[in-house]
Amino acid sequence: MDGSAYHFFAKRGSENKLLMYYQGGGACWAQLTCTIPTCDNSVNVGGGDNPNNFASGFADLTNPDNPFREWNIVFVPYCSSDIHFGDAAQDYSDANPGNPIHVEHRGFHNAKVAEKWAREHFVNPEAIFVTGSSAGSYGALFQAPLLHEVWPSSRFDVLGDAGNGVITPTFLQNEFNNWNFVPNLPATIPGVIDSITSGDGMPAYIEAVASFFATTNWANYSTAFDGGSGGQTGFYNIMLNGNNPLAGQTWWDASCAFQTNMRQQAVDTYTAVSGANDNYRYYIGTGSRHTMWGADKVYTDTTCGVPTILDWVNGMLTSGPGWVNVEASPYNVLLAGDPKP
């Protein structure tokens, strides 16, 4: 975001399989959202952006139950505030014309740097799991079609963790364009560009890529209320309140609207995809935690009748009977540590 040097991380495993993980960290698209800010704007190599400092959930590579513990891993840090797919330099001055803020939205190029290194060092992986959390969820979902071109012989699975595309039509029509997103979309895939320019958004996009890559499994995960100022409800509330970043602090005001729209999008996407290829699933857990990838609950939580996320992901990796649509019932039970109003 600030134009400084970019860094990424990689680990070689013992299996010929590759995990591409896109880090989260919010987003910004105007002077106020980039100034407050609502996003991560640099890569802290020795601190919070270093995956070696993560030791829980699927990030715990010492856990014998972790299906990715022996995989090759490329960790794509996030600092561009554009969900890993922007390519624009902006001088935002909409709130204070006399004091603009300069932002380098270069997430697309940062991701390409990591991809170039990965393709040179992991030449022909047997399997590739593309995922990311929060803003990185979108990075995974939008970068995945491009990764298919790099490794055409590999088996792919793509999972978005807590990035379901619940946004306002106004945002998609206006502020979204500040990232110069559309030119980076693969025009060779029918419906992909139209999904954005027509205003249909993520449901139409996933329908398009799931149809084109019919042997790839695609999935979304979210809790019902995905809360906190940096959660999906926080950003949705910002959009509902004229892009005022302070609205993220009262994220619960958008919780019910988010839950309704998120679930309906998931159901509609499944209905659209299942008639042709049956390669999309969703998992909606109870409560309000934002993201699951780095949480130990992936191994143990079955609250409100859900299978563990571990079992669900293992089902996805094998296209087995355990890979089904999951909805917690009831969905309003808060777990320990969940954000509360």
Protein backbone atom coordinates (compact mmCIF):
# COMPACT_ATOMS: atom_id res chain seq x y z
CA MET A 1 0.00 0.00 0.00
CA ASP A 2 2.88 2.36 0.79
CA GLY A 3 5.08 1.29 -2.13
CA SER A 4 7.69 -0.49 0.01
CA ALA A 5 9.35 -3.79 -0.95
CA TYR A 6 7.12 -6.86 -0.95
CA HIS A 7 7.91 -10.12 0.87
CA PHE A 8 6.35 -13.58 0.87
CA PHE A 9 7.05 -16.86 2.64
CA ALA A 10 7.49 -20.46 1.49
CA LYS A 11 8.03 -23.86 3.08
CA ARG A 12 9.02 -27.06 1.35
CA GLY A 13 7.19 -30.19 2.47
CA SER A 14 7.68 -33.89 1.93
CA GLU A 15 4.60 -34.37 -0.29
CA ASN A 16 4.25 -33.21 -3.89
CA LYS A 17 1.28 -31.05 -2.99
CA LEU A 18 1.00 -27.28 -2.73
CA LEU A 19 -0.99 -25.03 -0.41
CA MET A 20 -1.38 -21.44 -1.63
CA TYR A 21 -2.59 -19.30 1.28
CA TYR A 22 -3.60 -15.64 0.86
CA GLN A 23 -3.44 -13.59 4.04
CA GLY A 24 -6.27 -11.35 5.20
CA GLY A 25 -6.08 -7.81 6.48
CA GLY A 26 -9.08 -5.68 5.56
CA ALA A 27 -9.44 -3.32 2.62
CA CYS A 28 -9.74 0.36 1.80
CA TRP A 29 -11.20 2.26 -1.13
CA ALA A 30 -11.52 5.95 -0.17
CA GLN A 31 -9.71 8.60 1.84
CA LEU A 32 -11.34 7.80 5.16
CA THR A 33 -11.13 4.02 4.90
CA CYS A 34 -7.46 4.27 3.93
CA THR A 35 -6.62 6.87 6.58
CA ILE A 36 -8.30 5.42 9.70
CA PRO A 37 -7.40 2.71 8.35
CA THR A 38 -9.52 -0.40 7.86
CA CYS A 39 -6.64 -2.42 6.45
CA ASP A 40 -3.10 -3.75 6.83
CA ASN A 41 -0.70 -1.57 4.84
CA SER A 42 2.70 -3.25 5.16
CA VAL A 43 4.38 -6.66 5.59
CA ASN A 44 5.94 -7.16 9.02
CA VAL A 45 8.42 -9.89 8.15
CA GLY A 46 9.46 -10.64 11.70
CA GLY A 47 6.12 -10.12 13.38
CA GLY A 48 2.43 -10.61 12.76
CA ASP A 49 2.78 -11.35 9.05
CA ASN A 50 5.27 -14.19 9.51
CA PRO A 51 3.49 -17.57 9.32
CA ASN A 52 6.17 -19.10 11.56
CA ASN A 53 4.53 -17.17 14.38
CA PHE A 54 1.16 -18.90 13.86
CA ALA A 55 0.60 -22.13 15.78
CA SER A 56 -3.09 -22.92 15.85
CA GLY A 57 -5.75 -24.33 13.57
CA PHE A 58 -4.56 -25.35 10.12
CA ALA A 59 -1.56 -23.06 10.64
CA ASP A 60 -0.23 -25.52 13.24
CA LEU A 61 2.05 -27.74 11.19
CA THR A 62 2.95 -29.89 14.19
CA ASN A 63 -0.59 -31.22 14.63
CA PRO A 64 -0.72 -34.79 13.26
CA ASP A 65 -4.37 -34.26 12.26
CA ASN A 66 -3.51 -31.31 10.01
CA PRO A 67 -3.99 -32.54 6.42
CA PHE A 68 -1.54 -29.89 5.14
CA ARG A 69 1.33 -30.50 7.56
CA GLU A 70 3.58 -32.15 4.94
CA TRP A 71 2.53 -30.02 1.98
CA ASN A 72 4.63 -27.39 0.25
CA ILE A 73 3.27 -24.01 1.33
CA VAL A 74 3.41 -20.53 -0.16
CA PHE A 75 2.10 -17.84 2.19
CA VAL A 76 1.10 -14.67 0.32
CA PRO A 77 1.09 -11.69 2.73
CA TYR A 78 -1.35 -8.85 2.27
CA CYS A 79 -0.56 -5.15 2.33
CA SER A 80 -2.32 -3.65 -0.71
CA SER A 81 -5.85 -3.13 0.67
CA ASP A 82 -7.42 -4.45 -2.57
CA ILE A 83 -8.21 -8.12 -1.78
CA HIS A 84 -5.05 -9.31 -3.58
CA PHE A 85 -6.26 -8.31 -7.04
CA GLY A 86 -5.89 -4.56 -7.55
CA ASP A 87 -3.59 -2.68 -9.89
CA ALA A 88 -3.95 1.06 -9.34
CA ALA A 89 -2.27 4.06 -7.76
CA GLN A 90 -4.79 6.35 -6.11
CA ASP A 91 -4.58 9.77 -4.52
CA TYR A 92 -7.71 9.72 -2.40
CA SER A 93 -9.03 13.19 -1.58
CA ASP A 94 -12.78 12.69 -1.33
CA ALA A 95 -12.96 13.57 2.38
CA ASN A 96 -10.23 16.23 2.54
CA PRO A 97 -9.16 17.56 -0.88
CA GLY A 98 -6.38 19.61 0.67
CA ASN A 99 -4.62 16.60 2.15
CA PRO A 100 -4.89 13.58 -0.18
CA ILE A 101 -3.54 10.16 0.74
CA HIS A 102 -1.52 8.19 -1.81
CA VAL A 103 -2.19 4.46 -1.97
CA GLU A 104 -0.55 1.79 -4.12
CA HIS A 105 -3.14 -0.91 -4.73
CA ARG A 106 -0.79 -3.53 -6.21
CA GLY A 107 -2.15 -6.77 -4.81
CA PHE A 108 -2.37 -8.39 -8.22
CA HIS A 109 1.34 -7.84 -8.86
CA ASN A 110 2.33 -8.93 -5.36
CA ALA A 111 0.43 -12.18 -5.85
CA LYS A 112 2.10 -12.69 -9.24
CA VAL A 113 5.53 -12.39 -7.60
CA ALA A 114 4.66 -15.21 -5.20
CA GLU A 115 3.09 -17.26 -7.99
CA LYS A 116 6.18 -16.89 -10.21
CA TRP A 117 8.42 -18.18 -7.45
CA ALA A 118 6.03 -21.03 -6.70
CA ARG A 119 5.81 -22.14 -10.32
CA GLU A 120 9.61 -22.20 -10.59
CA HIS A 121 10.10 -24.22 -7.40
CA PHE A 122 7.03 -26.50 -7.38
CA VAL A 123 6.90 -27.57 -10.99
CA ASN A 124 4.10 -30.12 -11.19
CA PRO A 125 2.24 -30.59 -7.89
CA GLU A 126 -0.10 -33.53 -7.64
CA ALA A 127 -2.66 -31.40 -5.82
CA ILE A 128 -3.09 -27.69 -5.08
CA PHE A 129 -5.27 -26.27 -2.32
CA VAL A 130 -5.96 -22.56 -2.77
CA THR A 131 -7.33 -20.74 0.24
CA GLY A 132 -7.17 -17.56 2.27
CA SER A 133 -8.95 -15.81 5.08
CA SER A 134 -10.98 -12.58 5.10
CA ALA A 135 -9.53 -10.41 2.32
CA GLY A 136 -7.40 -13.43 1.46
CA SER A 137 -10.56 -15.41 0.82
CA TYR A 138 -11.16 -13.20 -2.20
CA GLY A 139 -7.50 -13.49 -3.12
CA ALA A 140 -7.89 -17.26 -3.23
CA LEU A 141 -11.13 -17.22 -5.20
CA PHE A 142 -9.92 -14.71 -7.78
CA GLN A 143 -6.32 -15.93 -8.12
CA ALA A 144 -7.34 -19.59 -8.41
CA PRO A 145 -8.36 -19.46 -12.11
CA LEU A 146 -4.97 -17.93 -12.93
CA LEU A 147 -3.21 -20.66 -10.96
CA HIS A 148 -5.06 -23.26 -13.03
CA GLU A 149 -3.26 -21.85 -16.07
CA VAL A 150 0.12 -22.24 -14.35
CA TRP A 151 -0.45 -25.85 -13.27
CA PRO A 152 -2.97 -27.30 -15.75
CA SER A 153 -2.30 -30.93 -14.78
CA SER A 154 -2.78 -30.51 -11.03
CA ARG A 155 -5.91 -31.31 -9.07
CA PHE A 156 -7.35 -28.14 -7.47
CA ASP A 157 -9.55 -27.35 -4.50
CA VAL A 158 -10.47 -23.73 -3.67
CA LEU A 159 -11.86 -22.59 -0.31
CA GLY A 160 -12.73 -19.04 0.69
CA ASP A 161 -12.58 -18.55 4.47
CA ALA A 162 -14.80 -15.67 5.63
CA GLY A 163 -15.00 -13.70 2.41
CA ASN A 164 -18.46 -14.33 0.97
CA GLY A 165 -18.99 -11.18 -1.06
CA VAL A 166 -21.86 -9.66 0.92
CA ILE A 167 -21.53 -6.07 -0.30
CA THR A 168 -23.83 -3.27 -1.40
CA PRO A 169 -24.68 -2.70 -5.08
CA THR A 170 -23.44 0.87 -4.69
CA PHE A 171 -20.01 -0.32 -3.58
CA LEU A 172 -19.69 -2.75 -6.49
CA GLN A 173 -20.74 -0.08 -9.00
CA ASN A 174 -18.55 2.70 -7.62
CA GLU A 175 -15.81 2.30 -5.00
CA PHE A 176 -14.87 -1.21 -6.13
CA ASN A 177 -13.56 0.29 -9.37
CA ASN A 178 -10.88 2.21 -7.47
CA TRP A 179 -8.83 -0.98 -7.39
CA ASN A 180 -8.82 -1.40 -11.20
CA PHE A 181 -9.89 -4.99 -10.61
CA VAL A 182 -11.69 -5.98 -13.79
CA PRO A 183 -8.73 -5.82 -16.25
CA ASN A 184 -7.02 -8.58 -14.28
CA LEU A 185 -9.93 -11.00 -14.63
CA PRO A 186 -9.49 -13.84 -17.17
CA ALA A 187 -11.61 -12.82 -20.15
CA THR A 188 -11.39 -16.36 -21.55
CA ILE A 189 -13.76 -17.67 -18.87
CA PRO A 190 -17.39 -17.02 -19.88
CA GLY A 191 -19.31 -14.94 -17.39
CA VAL A 192 -16.41 -13.89 -15.17
CA ILE A 193 -16.17 -10.26 -16.25
CA ASP A 194 -19.96 -9.97 -16.54
CA SER A 195 -20.31 -11.16 -12.94
CA ILE A 196 -18.61 -7.97 -11.81
CA THR A 197 -19.70 -5.44 -14.42
CA SER A 198 -23.35 -6.53 -14.32
CA GLY A 199 -23.51 -6.07 -10.56
CA ASP A 200 -24.24 -9.72 -9.72
CA GLY A 201 -20.99 -10.14 -7.77
CA MET A 202 -19.62 -13.24 -6.07
CA PRO A 203 -22.51 -15.68 -6.64
CA ALA A 204 -22.31 -15.16 -10.41
CA TYR A 205 -18.52 -15.23 -10.32
CA ILE A 206 -18.37 -18.57 -8.49
CA GLU A 207 -21.01 -19.99 -10.80
CA ALA A 208 -18.83 -19.00 -13.78
CA VAL A 209 -15.54 -20.41 -12.49
CA ALA A 210 -17.15 -23.57 -11.10
CA SER A 211 -18.68 -24.22 -14.51
CA PHE A 212 -15.41 -23.59 -16.36
CA PHE A 213 -13.27 -25.62 -13.95
CA ALA A 214 -15.73 -28.44 -13.51
CA THR A 215 -13.29 -30.86 -11.84
CA THR A 216 -12.27 -28.33 -9.19
CA ASN A 217 -14.10 -28.19 -5.87
CA TRP A 218 -15.11 -24.66 -4.80
CA ALA A 219 -16.37 -23.68 -1.36
CA ASN A 220 -17.17 -20.86 1.06
CA TYR A 221 -16.97 -20.86 4.84
CA SER A 222 -18.44 -18.32 7.26
CA THR A 223 -20.02 -18.12 10.66
CA ALA A 224 -23.59 -16.89 10.66
CA PHE A 225 -22.77 -13.40 11.92
CA ASP A 226 -19.01 -13.04 11.17
CA GLY A 227 -18.48 -10.13 13.53
CA GLY A 228 -15.99 -7.59 14.76
CA SER A 229 -14.90 -4.33 13.17
CA GLY A 230 -12.65 -6.28 10.79
CA GLY A 231 -15.20 -9.00 10.11
CA GLN A 232 -17.63 -9.24 7.25
CA THR A 233 -20.42 -7.55 9.20
CA GLY A 234 -18.08 -4.68 10.04
CA PHE A 235 -17.27 -3.97 6.41
CA TYR A 236 -20.87 -4.47 5.37
CA ASN A 237 -21.95 -1.90 7.94
CA ILE A 238 -19.33 0.54 6.62
CA MET A 239 -20.80 0.18 3.14
CA LEU A 240 -24.34 0.57 4.45
CA ASN A 241 -23.32 3.83 6.14
CA GLY A 242 -21.78 5.80 3.31
CA ASN A 243 -18.29 4.27 3.65
CA ASN A 244 -17.88 5.67 7.15
CA PRO A 245 -15.17 3.49 8.75
CA LEU A 246 -16.49 4.27 12.23
CA ALA A 247 -19.56 2.18 11.36
CA GLY A 248 -17.32 -0.86 11.59
CA GLN A 249 -17.26 -0.36 15.34
CA THR A 250 -21.02 -1.00 15.50
CA TRP A 251 -20.80 -4.06 13.26
CA TRP A 252 -23.71 -5.75 15.01
CA ASP A 253 -26.11 -3.31 13.34
CA ALA A 254 -25.55 -5.22 10.09
CA SER A 255 -25.43 -8.72 11.58
CA CYS A 256 -28.95 -9.85 10.71
CA ALA A 257 -28.83 -8.39 7.20
CA PHE A 258 -25.44 -10.02 6.63
CA GLN A 259 -26.65 -13.41 7.85
CA THR A 260 -29.72 -13.33 5.61
CA ASN A 261 -27.83 -12.23 2.50
CA MET A 262 -24.82 -14.48 3.06
CA ARG A 263 -26.96 -17.58 3.48
CA GLN A 264 -29.14 -16.76 0.48
CA GLN A 265 -26.08 -16.19 -1.70
CA ALA A 266 -24.66 -19.55 -0.64
CA VAL A 267 -27.92 -21.39 -1.33
CA ASP A 268 -28.40 -19.65 -4.68
CA THR A 269 -24.82 -20.40 -5.71
CA TYR A 270 -25.19 -24.06 -4.80
CA THR A 271 -28.47 -24.30 -6.69
CA ALA A 272 -26.95 -22.71 -9.79
CA VAL A 273 -23.80 -24.85 -9.75
CA SER A 274 -25.21 -28.21 -8.65
CA GLY A 275 -27.44 -28.59 -11.68
CA ALA A 276 -24.40 -28.83 -13.94
CA ASN A 277 -21.29 -29.93 -12.07
CA ASP A 278 -22.09 -30.33 -8.36
CA ASN A 279 -18.69 -28.93 -7.36
CA TYR A 280 -19.63 -26.18 -4.90
CA ARG A 281 -20.39 -26.42 -1.17
CA TYR A 282 -20.81 -24.04 1.75
CA TYR A 283 -20.27 -24.30 5.49
CA ILE A 284 -22.10 -21.88 7.83
CA GLY A 285 -21.07 -22.25 11.45
CA THR A 286 -22.74 -20.80 14.49
CA GLY A 287 -21.71 -17.58 16.19
CA SER A 288 -19.75 -14.53 15.13
CA ARG A 289 -16.06 -15.46 14.87
CA HIS A 290 -14.34 -14.01 11.81
CA THR A 291 -12.29 -16.68 9.97
CA MET A 292 -11.54 -20.25 10.99
CA TRP A 293 -8.19 -21.17 9.39
CA GLY A 294 -6.06 -20.27 12.40
CA ALA A 295 -8.50 -21.44 15.08
CA ASP A 296 -8.17 -24.74 16.93
CA LYS A 297 -11.93 -25.17 16.67
CA VAL A 298 -11.34 -26.60 13.18
CA TYR A 299 -10.37 -29.88 14.87
CA THR A 300 -13.00 -30.11 17.58
CA ASP A 301 -16.07 -27.90 17.23
CA THR A 302 -19.38 -29.63 16.50
CA THR A 303 -21.65 -27.07 18.17
CA CYS A 304 -25.20 -27.01 16.83
CA GLY A 305 -24.88 -30.24 14.90
CA VAL A 306 -22.06 -29.44 12.49
CA PRO A 307 -19.23 -31.78 11.50
CA THR A 308 -15.76 -30.57 12.38
CA ILE A 309 -14.23 -28.27 9.80
CA LEU A 310 -11.37 -30.77 9.59
CA ASP A 311 -13.72 -33.55 8.51
CA TRP A 312 -15.40 -31.23 6.02
CA VAL A 313 -12.07 -30.14 4.49
CA ASN A 314 -10.90 -33.75 4.32
CA GLY A 315 -14.13 -34.54 2.49
CA MET A 316 -13.41 -31.72 0.07
CA LEU A 317 -9.90 -33.01 -0.59
CA THR A 318 -11.26 -36.43 -1.58
CA SER A 319 -14.64 -35.34 -3.00
CA GLY A 320 -15.97 -37.78 -0.45
CA PRO A 321 -19.42 -38.15 1.12
CA GLY A 322 -18.38 -35.88 4.00
CA TRP A 323 -18.21 -32.87 1.70
CA VAL A 324 -21.76 -31.59 2.05
CA ASN A 325 -23.43 -28.26 2.65
CA VAL A 326 -23.32 -27.48 6.36
CA GLU A 327 -25.54 -25.13 8.37
CA ALA A 328 -25.46 -24.91 12.14
CA SER A 329 -28.89 -25.18 13.76
CA PRO A 330 -29.47 -23.05 15.68
CA TYR A 331 -26.94 -20.60 14.28
CA ASN A 332 -27.04 -17.94 17.01
CA VAL A 333 -25.03 -19.75 19.69
CA LEU A 334 -21.85 -17.83 20.50
CA LEU A 335 -18.68 -19.81 21.13
CA ALA A 336 -15.92 -18.83 23.56
CA GLY A 337 -14.07 -15.82 22.18
CA ASP A 338 -16.74 -14.84 19.65
CA PRO A 339 -17.17 -11.05 19.24
CA LYS A 340 -20.15 -9.61 21.09
CA PRO A 341 -21.90 -6.21 20.80
